[in-house]
């Protein structure tokens, strides 16, 4: 668990009805910054309190699972597949200019593979 003090810089709504939060922190030590950067694009639990989180609140965050099937710090099967495809793209882009083009092509291949197996 990473626990740090941060300032809320912005709150914005998005088209899909989600909310984007932006925070800034004080300067972090190298290993702390690296640990935080490793969480980029990961589903995490987030506790926000203007007075800091107490022991009970921290315990609650550590114990709870949020979302229907989501477990914090674990990727869904589709997230894992996307990550694997991204690594494959970086190793051999197969003449695709963007990852999105590569991803769309590979997903269509997977979909067609299983559609052919249907009755």
Protein backbone atom coordinates (compact mmCIF):
# COMPACT_ATOMS: atom_id res chain seq x y z
CA UNK A 1 0.00 0.00 0.00
CA UNK A 2 1.20 3.46 -0.84
CA UNK A 3 0.13 6.17 1.56
CA UNK A 4 0.95 9.77 0.73
CA UNK A 5 -0.37 13.25 1.12
CA UNK A 6 -1.59 14.87 -2.09
CA UNK A 7 -3.39 17.93 -3.32
CA UNK A 8 -6.42 17.57 -5.59
CA UNK A 9 -5.52 19.57 -8.70
CA UNK A 10 -8.51 18.89 -10.90
CA UNK A 11 -11.73 16.95 -11.19
CA UNK A 12 -13.28 16.45 -14.63
CA UNK A 13 -16.18 14.45 -16.04
CA UNK A 14 -15.77 12.33 -19.14
CA UNK A 15 -18.12 11.26 -21.93
CA UNK A 16 -18.49 7.75 -20.51
CA UNK A 17 -19.72 9.26 -17.21
CA UNK A 18 -16.50 8.45 -15.37
CA UNK A 19 -14.58 11.07 -13.44
CA UNK A 20 -10.92 11.93 -13.93
CA UNK A 21 -9.02 12.98 -10.82
CA UNK A 22 -5.60 14.63 -10.88
CA UNK A 23 -3.42 14.83 -7.79
CA UNK A 24 0.00 16.30 -7.07
CA UNK A 25 2.31 15.12 -4.31
CA UNK A 26 5.31 16.50 -2.60
CA UNK A 27 8.66 15.35 -3.94
CA UNK A 28 9.02 11.56 -3.66
CA UNK A 29 12.08 9.40 -3.07
CA UNK A 30 13.19 7.34 -6.07
CA UNK A 31 11.79 4.00 -4.89
CA UNK A 32 8.49 5.59 -3.85
CA UNK A 33 8.14 7.31 -7.21
CA UNK A 34 8.99 4.05 -9.00
CA UNK A 35 6.37 2.15 -6.99
CA UNK A 36 3.78 4.78 -7.88
CA UNK A 37 4.74 4.76 -11.58
CA UNK A 38 4.34 0.96 -11.62
CA UNK A 39 0.66 1.48 -10.82
CA UNK A 40 -0.01 3.47 -13.98
CA UNK A 41 -3.14 2.12 -15.72
CA UNK A 42 -3.85 -0.27 -12.84
CA UNK A 43 -7.13 -0.52 -10.97
CA UNK A 44 -6.43 0.60 -7.40
CA UNK A 45 -8.39 1.45 -4.28
CA UNK A 46 -8.27 5.10 -3.36
CA UNK A 47 -9.08 6.65 -0.02
CA UNK A 48 -9.46 10.42 0.21
CA UNK A 49 -9.75 12.35 3.44
CA UNK A 50 -9.04 16.04 4.08
CA UNK A 51 -7.75 15.16 7.56
CA UNK A 52 -5.69 12.10 6.62
CA UNK A 53 -6.63 8.45 6.83
CA UNK A 54 -6.86 6.85 10.24
CA UNK A 55 -5.91 3.27 11.08
CA UNK A 56 -9.53 2.09 10.73
CA UNK A 57 -9.87 3.68 7.30
CA UNK A 58 -6.58 2.20 6.11
CA UNK A 59 -7.66 -1.25 7.32
CA UNK A 60 -10.97 -0.85 5.48
CA UNK A 61 -9.14 -0.03 2.24
CA UNK A 62 -6.84 -3.03 2.65
CA UNK A 63 -9.69 -5.47 3.32
CA UNK A 64 -12.31 -4.39 0.79
CA UNK A 65 -12.78 -5.38 -2.81
CA UNK A 66 -14.41 -2.68 -4.89
CA UNK A 67 -16.48 -3.14 -8.02
CA UNK A 68 -18.47 -6.13 -9.19
CA UNK A 69 -15.67 -8.51 -10.09
CA UNK A 70 -12.65 -6.25 -9.71
CA UNK A 71 -9.98 -6.96 -7.15
CA UNK A 72 -7.56 -4.08 -6.57
CA UNK A 73 -4.09 -4.64 -8.01
CA UNK A 74 -5.22 -7.52 -10.22
CA UNK A 75 -5.94 -7.16 -13.92
CA UNK A 76 -9.02 -8.57 -15.60
CA UNK A 77 -8.52 -11.14 -18.34
CA UNK A 78 -9.17 -8.50 -21.02
CA UNK A 79 -6.64 -6.12 -19.41
CA UNK A 80 -4.07 -8.93 -19.33
CA UNK A 81 -4.70 -9.72 -23.01
CA UNK A 82 -4.33 -6.06 -23.96
CA UNK A 83 -1.03 -5.88 -22.03
CA UNK A 84 0.29 -8.98 -23.78
CA UNK A 85 -0.71 -7.58 -27.17
CA UNK A 86 1.04 -4.32 -26.36
CA UNK A 87 4.27 -6.14 -25.55
CA UNK A 88 3.93 -8.14 -28.78
CA UNK A 89 3.42 -4.85 -30.66
CA UNK A 90 6.57 -3.32 -29.13
CA UNK A 91 8.60 -6.40 -30.05
CA UNK A 92 7.30 -6.68 -33.62
CA UNK A 93 4.75 -4.13 -34.85
CA UNK A 94 4.13 -6.06 -38.09
CA UNK A 95 4.00 -2.84 -40.14
CA UNK A 96 1.31 -1.25 -37.95
CA UNK A 97 1.94 2.42 -37.19
CA UNK A 98 -0.05 2.58 -33.95
CA UNK A 99 -0.82 0.16 -31.17
CA UNK A 100 -4.55 0.84 -31.62
CA UNK A 101 -4.40 -0.39 -35.23
CA UNK A 102 -2.42 -3.46 -34.15
CA UNK A 103 -4.81 -4.14 -31.25
CA UNK A 104 -7.91 -3.83 -33.44
CA UNK A 105 -6.43 -6.19 -36.03
CA UNK A 106 -5.41 -8.82 -33.46
CA UNK A 107 -8.76 -8.65 -31.66
CA UNK A 108 -10.58 -9.15 -34.97
CA UNK A 109 -8.38 -12.20 -35.60
CA UNK A 110 -9.24 -13.64 -32.19
CA UNK A 111 -12.96 -12.92 -32.66
CA UNK A 112 -12.99 -14.51 -36.13
CA UNK A 113 -11.11 -17.56 -34.85
CA UNK A 114 -13.82 -18.26 -32.28
CA UNK A 115 -16.70 -17.32 -34.58
CA UNK A 116 -15.53 -20.02 -37.00
CA UNK A 117 -15.86 -22.59 -34.21
CA UNK A 118 -19.52 -21.72 -33.53
CA UNK A 119 -22.36 -23.81 -34.96
